[in-house]
Amino acid sequence: MNETGVSEEEIFSLLNNAKKKDFTYQRVLSSMCTYPHEIAVKAHMQFIESNMGDFGLFKGTHDMEKEILLMLGSIYNCNSVEGYLTTGGTESNIQAIRAMRNFSRDKRSYDSSKVRPNIVVPASAHFSFDKISDILDIDVRKADLDYEMRVSVQSMESLIDENTLGLVAIAGSTEFGQIDPIEKISDLAVSHSLPLHIDAAFGGFVLPFLSTHPKFDFSLPGITSIAVDPHKMGLSTIPSGVLLFRNFEYLNHLRVHAPYLTVDTQYTLTGTRSGAAVAATYAVMKFLGKEGYTKVVDKCMDLTRYLVKKVQEIGIQPFIDPVMNVVTLDVPHPTALRARLSREYNWQVSITQDPKALRLVIMPHLDAEIIDCFVDDLKEALKDLEKN
């Protein structure tokens, strides 16, 4: 650190130089985040100092958080919903499984030093569940996927035993954008008297706004919690996640005494929480409404179909038919192709792990012109690989 400060002009010169090194989203087809809505940015800045870790000091911000939960509860068919805004899907998943563990521990009165509990998740589950295994010292059992990259319900059931805390299903998997057979998994959870957490970090602001989609919300009796990220398709600022519980019962198992705050109980993982993210999420949800989000999702799905059509014209097929705005392409040498697209053509794309395919996420910052440019470069990159 300097002995004395530098001028504002010098600071912004440094910031601008750093910004130039960042990718602009127009060249990014790998991220599930995008530019936040303008109204979200304005709201974020207005509440930049608000700390929801001690929400008794920021009652207006807390009121907005409660209204966000009510709005999401109406979308996800639950009028008794409880929860709070998190930093994103990873924190939401950690807390959902922690609530499962604590609920099961209190209900069964088992000795965690003698019993290693487990949860059953799809093999397609986000890598945050590997962190959960480490943090909470539980086994994460990964069930097999079918040919459409959805979890096998039979495989999930085969992994359940007397030490299983609960189940997890995915509504919009990170790699393939696929939706697990959640109705059947809900039935499985009910039949085994287990809680079911839905990771809808990406799909939560897509599926409700499609004309038709499988059920994935609290209308299904087995579902006890849902994670959704407004900073993805919700167009809020980063970091903005939400963890929802069907009712207070599971949230209450996250209770911690906080004697020196204006409210003496916390249910959150982080102490300090961004009130700015609350304001941003509240503002954009109120501003867009269901009609606005439907238009955003329709645009992304139209572009998804357009991309599939364009790549088919150059002989490339999707690995699976997209059910959301995530496209995986069956291409030769996907790892090498990804590297060439980045190095030679300045595109950021990604690849799936198993099986390997080129993965593209069609977010609101994209348009048909960008898709055309990408497909042209993809065609040339494939020719380059063939020559070598």
Protein backbone atom coordinates (compact mmCIF):
# COMPACT_ATOMS: atom_id res chain seq x y z
CA MET A 1 0.00 0.00 0.00
CA ASN A 2 1.17 3.55 -0.79
CA GLU A 3 2.22 5.84 2.03
CA THR A 4 -0.13 8.47 0.64
CA GLY A 5 -3.23 8.11 -1.50
CA VAL A 6 -3.34 8.69 -5.25
CA SER A 7 -5.70 10.93 -7.17
CA GLU A 8 -9.15 9.92 -8.33
CA GLU A 9 -7.95 10.32 -11.91
CA GLU A 10 -5.13 7.83 -11.31
CA ILE A 11 -7.51 5.40 -9.59
CA PHE A 12 -9.88 5.36 -12.55
CA SER A 13 -6.98 5.01 -14.93
CA LEU A 14 -5.97 1.86 -13.02
CA LEU A 15 -9.55 0.63 -12.99
CA ASN A 16 -9.98 1.21 -16.72
CA ASN A 17 -6.76 -0.68 -17.47
CA ALA A 18 -7.99 -3.60 -15.35
CA LYS A 19 -11.40 -3.52 -17.05
CA LYS A 20 -9.79 -3.82 -20.47
CA LYS A 21 -8.40 -7.22 -19.46
CA ASP A 22 -11.89 -8.55 -18.69
CA PHE A 23 -13.96 -10.29 -21.33
CA THR A 24 -17.09 -8.46 -22.44
CA TYR A 25 -20.14 -10.68 -22.23
CA GLN A 26 -20.72 -10.35 -26.00
CA ARG A 27 -17.82 -12.79 -26.52
CA VAL A 28 -18.88 -15.08 -23.67
CA LEU A 29 -21.06 -18.11 -24.39
CA SER A 30 -20.01 -20.13 -21.35
CA SER A 31 -21.40 -18.13 -18.42
CA MET A 32 -24.77 -18.40 -16.69
CA CYS A 33 -24.42 -14.76 -15.63
CA THR A 34 -25.03 -11.67 -17.74
CA TYR A 35 -25.25 -7.89 -17.52
CA PRO A 36 -27.62 -6.91 -14.71
CA HIS A 37 -30.67 -4.89 -15.63
CA GLU A 38 -30.13 -1.12 -15.46
CA ILE A 39 -32.75 -0.70 -12.76
CA ALA A 40 -31.03 -3.38 -10.66
CA VAL A 41 -27.74 -1.47 -10.87
CA LYS A 42 -29.40 1.79 -9.77
CA ALA A 43 -31.13 0.09 -6.85
CA HIS A 44 -27.90 -1.65 -5.86
CA MET A 45 -26.05 1.65 -5.64
CA GLN A 46 -28.82 3.30 -3.62
CA PHE A 47 -28.55 0.62 -0.90
CA ILE A 48 -24.81 0.01 -1.10
CA GLU A 49 -24.25 0.47 2.66
CA SER A 50 -27.14 -1.74 3.83
CA ASN A 51 -26.09 -4.78 5.87
CA MET A 52 -28.73 -7.49 6.17
CA GLY A 53 -26.60 -9.27 8.75
CA ASP A 54 -28.20 -6.91 11.27
CA PHE A 55 -31.46 -6.23 9.51
CA GLY A 56 -32.99 -4.49 12.54
CA LEU A 57 -30.95 -1.47 11.43
CA PHE A 58 -32.28 -1.66 7.88
CA LYS A 59 -35.97 -2.37 8.26
CA GLY A 60 -36.91 -1.05 4.83
CA THR A 61 -34.36 -3.30 3.15
CA HIS A 62 -35.59 -6.24 5.21
CA ASP A 63 -39.16 -5.51 4.10
CA MET A 64 -37.96 -5.80 0.49
CA GLU A 65 -36.33 -9.14 1.25
CA LYS A 66 -39.58 -10.44 2.70
CA GLU A 67 -41.47 -9.28 -0.39
CA ILE A 68 -38.97 -11.04 -2.67
CA LEU A 69 -39.73 -14.26 -0.79
CA LEU A 70 -43.47 -13.68 -1.24
CA MET A 71 -43.07 -13.00 -4.97
CA LEU A 72 -41.05 -16.17 -5.42
CA GLY A 73 -43.49 -18.08 -3.25
CA SER A 74 -46.29 -17.09 -5.62
CA ILE A 75 -44.23 -18.23 -8.62
CA TYR A 76 -43.29 -21.51 -6.95
CA ASN A 77 -46.76 -22.26 -5.52
CA CYS A 78 -46.21 -21.80 -1.80
CA ASN A 79 -47.87 -19.18 0.42
CA SER A 80 -45.98 -20.25 3.55
CA VAL A 81 -42.49 -19.88 2.08
CA GLU A 82 -39.58 -18.87 4.32
CA GLY A 83 -35.93 -18.18 3.57
CA TYR A 84 -33.45 -15.44 2.82
CA LEU A 85 -31.17 -13.96 0.16
CA THR A 86 -27.80 -15.69 -0.15
CA THR A 87 -24.66 -15.06 -2.17
CA GLY A 88 -25.75 -17.64 -4.73
CA GLY A 89 -26.37 -21.31 -5.42
CA THR A 90 -23.36 -22.65 -3.53
CA GLU A 91 -24.35 -21.00 -0.25
CA SER A 92 -28.01 -21.93 -0.80
CA ASN A 93 -27.11 -25.57 -1.38
CA ILE A 94 -24.85 -25.68 1.68
CA GLN A 95 -27.58 -24.26 3.89
CA ALA A 96 -30.30 -26.51 2.46
CA ILE A 97 -28.23 -29.62 3.20
CA ARG A 98 -27.18 -28.26 6.59
CA ALA A 99 -30.87 -27.84 7.44
CA MET A 100 -31.50 -31.44 6.31
CA ARG A 101 -28.68 -32.68 8.52
CA ASN A 102 -29.79 -30.72 11.55
CA PHE A 103 -33.42 -31.72 11.06
CA SER A 104 -32.49 -35.39 10.77
CA ARG A 105 -30.08 -35.22 13.71
CA ASP A 106 -32.72 -33.65 15.97
CA LYS A 107 -35.43 -36.02 14.75
CA ARG A 108 -33.42 -39.22 14.98
CA SER A 109 -31.13 -38.20 17.84
CA TYR A 110 -28.18 -40.00 16.27
CA ASP A 111 -24.54 -39.56 17.23
CA SER A 112 -22.80 -37.93 14.25
CA SER A 113 -19.43 -39.12 15.57
CA LYS A 114 -20.54 -42.72 15.03
CA VAL A 115 -22.78 -42.39 11.97
CA ARG A 116 -21.64 -40.81 8.69
CA PRO A 117 -24.81 -39.53 7.04
CA ASN A 118 -25.31 -39.21 3.29
CA ILE A 119 -27.37 -37.41 0.69
CA VAL A 120 -28.29 -38.72 -2.76
CA VAL A 121 -27.77 -36.36 -5.69
CA PRO A 122 -27.64 -36.70 -9.49
CA ALA A 123 -24.25 -37.26 -11.09
CA SER A 124 -24.97 -33.96 -12.85
CA ALA A 125 -25.13 -32.03 -9.56
CA HIS A 126 -23.14 -28.81 -9.27
CA PHE A 127 -19.63 -29.05 -7.82
CA SER A 128 -20.88 -27.19 -4.76
CA PHE A 129 -22.06 -30.57 -3.47
CA ASP A 130 -18.44 -31.73 -3.36
CA LYS A 131 -17.75 -28.74 -1.11
CA ILE A 132 -20.77 -29.70 0.98
CA SER A 133 -19.34 -33.18 1.50
CA ASP A 134 -16.16 -31.66 2.87
CA ILE A 135 -17.74 -28.88 4.95
CA LEU A 136 -20.51 -30.94 6.54
CA ASP A 137 -18.58 -34.23 6.65
CA ILE A 138 -21.26 -36.21 4.86
CA ASP A 139 -21.18 -38.66 1.98
CA VAL A 140 -22.56 -37.37 -1.31
CA ARG A 141 -23.82 -40.35 -3.29
CA LYS A 142 -24.15 -39.65 -7.00
CA ALA A 143 -26.90 -41.41 -8.92
CA ASP A 144 -26.53 -42.41 -12.56
CA LEU A 145 -27.94 -40.38 -15.45
CA ASP A 146 -30.03 -41.64 -18.36
CA TYR A 147 -29.26 -41.07 -22.05
CA GLU A 148 -30.91 -37.61 -21.88
CA MET A 149 -28.61 -36.61 -18.99
CA ARG A 150 -31.41 -36.73 -16.41
CA VAL A 151 -30.98 -38.62 -13.17
CA SER A 152 -32.27 -42.17 -12.95
CA VAL A 153 -34.90 -42.43 -10.21
CA GLN A 154 -34.11 -46.13 -9.85
CA SER A 155 -30.45 -45.34 -9.30
CA MET A 156 -31.35 -42.73 -6.67
CA GLU A 157 -33.54 -45.19 -4.80
CA SER A 158 -30.81 -47.83 -4.81
CA LEU A 159 -28.50 -45.43 -2.95
CA ILE A 160 -30.92 -44.63 -0.11
CA ASP A 161 -30.26 -46.27 3.25
CA GLU A 162 -31.00 -45.68 6.93
CA ASN A 163 -28.33 -42.93 7.09
CA THR A 164 -29.69 -40.88 4.16
CA LEU A 165 -30.52 -37.31 5.16
CA GLY A 166 -32.33 -36.30 1.99
CA LEU A 167 -32.41 -36.09 -1.79
CA VAL A 168 -31.41 -33.46 -4.34
CA ALA A 169 -32.73 -32.90 -7.87
CA ILE A 170 -31.70 -30.38 -10.51
CA ALA A 171 -33.94 -27.97 -12.42
CA GLY A 172 -31.52 -26.76 -15.06
CA SER A 173 -28.24 -28.62 -14.74
CA THR A 174 -25.09 -26.56 -15.14
CA GLU A 175 -23.61 -28.62 -17.94
CA PHE A 176 -26.58 -29.76 -20.05
CA GLY A 177 -29.40 -27.48 -18.89
CA GLN A 178 -31.47 -30.58 -18.23
CA ILE A 179 -34.36 -31.03 -15.80
CA ASP A 180 -34.51 -34.15 -13.65
CA PRO A 181 -37.80 -36.12 -13.37
CA ILE A 182 -38.70 -34.12 -10.28
CA GLU A 183 -42.29 -35.33 -9.95
CA LYS A 184 -41.07 -38.92 -9.61
CA ILE A 185 -38.28 -37.87 -7.25
CA SER A 186 -40.85 -36.03 -5.12
CA ASP A 187 -42.83 -39.28 -4.88
CA LEU A 188 -39.62 -41.08 -3.92
CA ALA A 189 -38.90 -38.55 -1.19
CA VAL A 190 -42.42 -38.87 0.21
CA SER A 191 -42.31 -42.68 0.17
CA HIS A 192 -39.05 -42.66 2.16
CA SER A 193 -40.04 -39.71 4.40
CA LEU A 194 -37.02 -37.72 3.21
CA PRO A 195 -36.66 -34.01 2.44
CA LEU A 196 -36.01 -33.02 -1.18
CA HIS A 197 -33.95 -29.98 -2.19
CA ILE A 198 -34.22 -28.56 -5.72
CA ASP A 199 -31.19 -26.81 -7.18
CA ALA A 200 -32.88 -24.37 -9.56
CA ALA A 201 -30.07 -21.81 -9.43
CA PHE A 202 -30.30 -21.39 -13.20
CA GLY A 203 -33.73 -22.79 -14.05
CA GLY A 204 -35.61 -20.90 -11.37
CA PHE A 205 -35.91 -17.78 -13.51
CA VAL A 206 -36.41 -19.72 -16.76
CA LEU A 207 -38.87 -22.55 -16.20
CA PRO A 208 -41.80 -20.56 -14.75
CA PHE A 209 -41.78 -18.36 -17.85
CA LEU A 210 -41.82 -21.09 -20.48
CA SER A 211 -45.17 -21.97 -22.05
CA THR A 212 -44.82 -25.56 -20.84
CA HIS A 213 -42.38 -27.16 -18.42
CA PRO A 214 -42.19 -30.04 -15.97
CA LYS A 215 -43.22 -29.35 -12.38
CA PHE A 216 -40.28 -28.53 -10.14
CA ASP A 217 -41.71 -26.40 -7.32
CA PHE A 218 -43.61 -26.56 -4.03
CA SER A 219 -46.75 -27.81 -5.77
CA LEU A 220 -45.03 -31.20 -5.42
CA PRO A 221 -45.46 -32.47 -1.83
CA GLY A 222 -41.95 -33.92 -1.42
CA ILE A 223 -40.07 -30.68 -2.06
CA THR A 224 -38.84 -28.95 1.09
CA SER A 225 -36.41 -26.35 -0.32
CA ILE A 226 -35.44 -24.59 -3.55
CA ALA A 227 -32.30 -22.64 -4.50
CA VAL A 228 -32.59 -19.96 -7.19
CA ASP A 229 -30.15 -17.28 -8.36
CA PRO A 230 -31.57 -13.88 -9.37
CA HIS A 231 -28.07 -12.87 -10.56
CA LYS A 232 -28.41 -15.34 -13.45
CA MET A 233 -31.57 -15.17 -15.55
CA GLY A 234 -33.21 -12.94 -12.93
CA LEU A 235 -30.99 -10.05 -14.17
CA SER A 236 -30.06 -8.88 -10.68
CA THR A 237 -26.59 -7.84 -9.54
CA ILE A 238 -23.90 -10.22 -8.30
CA PRO A 239 -24.09 -11.78 -5.73
CA SER A 240 -27.82 -12.49 -5.49
CA GLY A 241 -29.13 -15.94 -4.56
CA VAL A 242 -32.22 -17.06 -2.70
CA LEU A 243 -32.84 -20.09 -0.50
CA LEU A 244 -36.50 -20.94 -0.03
CA PHE A 245 -38.04 -23.40 2.41
CA ARG A 246 -41.62 -24.66 2.24
CA ASN A 247 -42.20 -23.39 5.78
CA PHE A 248 -40.37 -22.29 8.91
CA GLU A 249 -39.66 -25.83 10.18
CA TYR A 250 -36.48 -26.41 8.17
CA LEU A 251 -35.26 -22.81 8.36
CA ASN A 252 -35.54 -23.01 12.14
CA HIS A 253 -32.92 -25.76 12.17
CA LEU A 254 -30.40 -23.14 11.00
CA ARG A 255 -31.01 -20.92 14.03
CA VAL A 256 -27.98 -19.34 15.72
CA HIS A 257 -28.03 -17.00 18.73
CA ALA A 258 -26.57 -13.54 17.94
CA PRO A 259 -26.81 -11.64 21.23
CA TYR A 260 -25.16 -8.34 20.30
CA LEU A 261 -27.23 -7.53 17.20
CA THR A 262 -30.52 -5.67 17.02
CA VAL A 263 -32.14 -9.05 16.30
CA ASP A 264 -30.77 -11.84 18.50
CA THR A 265 -31.25 -14.73 16.06
CA GLN A 266 -29.65 -15.47 12.67
CA TYR A 267 -30.50 -18.22 10.21
CA THR A 268 -27.93 -17.31 7.56
CA LEU A 269 -24.50 -18.70 6.76
CA THR A 270 -22.72 -15.40 6.26
CA GLY A 271 -22.87 -12.76 8.96
CA THR A 272 -22.68 -9.67 6.77
CA ARG A 273 -25.15 -9.78 3.87
CA SER A 274 -25.58 -7.30 1.04
CA GLY A 275 -28.67 -5.14 1.31
CA ALA A 276 -27.71 -3.76 -2.10
CA ALA A 277 -28.33 -7.17 -3.65
CA VAL A 278 -31.72 -7.29 -1.91
CA ALA A 279 -32.66 -3.90 -3.38
CA ALA A 280 -31.42 -4.87 -6.84
CA THR A 281 -33.40 -8.12 -6.85
CA TYR A 282 -36.53 -6.43 -5.50
CA ALA A 283 -36.32 -3.64 -8.09
CA VAL A 284 -35.83 -5.83 -11.15
CA MET A 285 -38.50 -8.34 -10.12
CA LYS A 286 -41.02 -5.56 -9.52
CA PHE A 287 -40.02 -3.74 -12.71
CA LEU A 288 -40.17 -6.72 -15.08
CA GLY A 289 -42.97 -8.75 -13.54
CA LYS A 290 -44.05 -12.04 -15.08
CA GLU A 291 -44.64 -10.40 -18.46
CA GLY A 292 -41.14 -8.92 -18.60
CA TYR A 293 -39.43 -12.16 -17.59
CA THR A 294 -41.48 -14.07 -20.15
CA LYS A 295 -40.15 -11.75 -22.86
CA VAL A 296 -36.56 -12.25 -21.67
CA VAL A 297 -36.93 -16.04 -21.64
CA ASP A 298 -38.73 -16.06 -25.01
CA LYS A 299 -35.85 -14.11 -26.55
CA CYS A 300 -33.27 -16.53 -25.16
CA MET A 301 -35.23 -19.58 -26.31
CA ASP A 302 -35.70 -18.08 -29.80
CA LEU A 303 -31.93 -17.54 -29.98
CA THR A 304 -31.34 -21.08 -28.71
CA ARG A 305 -33.46 -22.51 -31.53
CA TYR A 306 -31.74 -20.17 -34.00
CA LEU A 307 -28.30 -21.37 -32.89
CA VAL A 308 -29.31 -25.02 -33.26
CA LYS A 309 -30.59 -24.30 -36.79
CA LYS A 310 -27.36 -22.50 -37.77
CA VAL A 311 -25.02 -25.21 -36.47
CA GLN A 312 -27.08 -27.90 -38.16
CA GLU A 313 -26.50 -26.05 -41.44
CA ILE A 314 -22.75 -26.69 -41.00
CA GLY A 315 -23.25 -30.34 -40.06
CA ILE A 316 -23.21 -30.10 -36.26
CA GLN A 317 -25.97 -31.62 -34.11
CA PRO A 318 -26.93 -30.87 -30.52
CA PHE A 319 -25.91 -33.59 -28.07
CA ILE A 320 -29.44 -33.47 -26.63
CA ASP A 321 -32.38 -31.33 -27.74
CA PRO A 322 -32.19 -28.19 -25.58
CA VAL A 323 -34.95 -27.90 -22.99
CA MET A 324 -33.67 -24.54 -21.76
CA ASN A 325 -31.25 -21.93 -23.08
CA VAL A 326 -28.25 -24.24 -22.74
CA VAL A 327 -26.94 -25.96 -25.88
CA THR A 328 -24.44 -28.81 -26.01
CA LEU A 329 -22.95 -29.64 -29.39
CA ASP A 330 -21.63 -32.99 -30.53
CA VAL A 331 -18.36 -31.85 -32.10
CA PRO A 332 -15.06 -33.61 -32.87
CA HIS A 333 -12.23 -32.95 -30.40
CA PRO A 334 -14.22 -30.61 -28.12
CA THR A 335 -11.26 -29.79 -25.84
CA ALA A 336 -9.04 -28.79 -28.74
CA LEU A 337 -11.90 -26.92 -30.38
CA ARG A 338 -12.58 -24.95 -27.23
CA ALA A 339 -8.91 -23.96 -26.99
CA ARG A 340 -8.81 -22.86 -30.63
CA LEU A 341 -12.01 -20.82 -30.33
CA SER A 342 -10.50 -19.01 -27.35
CA ARG A 343 -6.97 -18.56 -28.68
CA GLU A 344 -7.64 -17.80 -32.33
CA TYR A 345 -11.17 -16.35 -32.34
CA ASN A 346 -11.51 -14.76 -28.89
CA TRP A 347 -14.66 -16.70 -27.86
CA GLN A 348 -15.23 -18.07 -24.38
CA VAL A 349 -17.05 -21.38 -24.52
CA SER A 350 -16.90 -24.44 -22.28
CA ILE A 351 -17.05 -28.22 -22.51
CA THR A 352 -18.96 -30.80 -20.54
CA GLN A 353 -17.11 -33.49 -18.59
CA ASP A 354 -18.77 -36.80 -19.41
CA PRO A 355 -19.62 -37.19 -22.18
CA LYS A 356 -17.60 -34.36 -23.66
CA ALA A 357 -19.47 -31.83 -25.77
CA LEU A 358 -19.15 -28.13 -26.57
CA ARG A 359 -21.36 -26.20 -24.13
CA LEU A 360 -23.00 -22.85 -24.90
CA VAL A 361 -25.31 -20.79 -22.69
CA ILE A 362 -27.61 -18.42 -24.56
CA MET A 363 -27.99 -15.47 -22.21
CA PRO A 364 -29.84 -12.15 -22.69
CA HIS A 365 -26.66 -10.30 -23.76
CA LEU A 366 -26.56 -12.30 -27.01
CA ASP A 367 -28.36 -11.61 -30.29
CA ALA A 368 -28.68 -13.16 -33.76
CA GLU A 369 -25.73 -11.17 -35.12
CA ILE A 370 -23.44 -12.51 -32.40
CA ILE A 371 -24.73 -16.05 -33.02
CA ASP A 372 -24.01 -15.69 -36.76
CA CYS A 373 -20.49 -14.45 -36.05
CA PHE A 374 -19.84 -17.31 -33.63
CA VAL A 375 -21.12 -19.99 -36.04
CA ASP A 376 -18.91 -18.58 -38.82
CA ASP A 377 -15.88 -18.79 -36.53
CA LEU A 378 -16.91 -22.25 -35.33
CA LYS A 379 -16.99 -23.43 -38.94
CA GLU A 380 -13.49 -22.06 -39.57
CA ALA A 381 -12.15 -23.50 -36.31
CA LEU A 382 -13.45 -26.93 -37.27
CA LYS A 383 -11.71 -26.65 -40.67
CA ASP A 384 -8.48 -25.72 -38.90
CA LEU A 385 -8.70 -28.81 -36.71
CA GLU A 386 -9.35 -31.05 -39.74
CA LYS A 387 -6.17 -29.76 -41.39
CA ASN A 388 -4.15 -30.69 -38.35
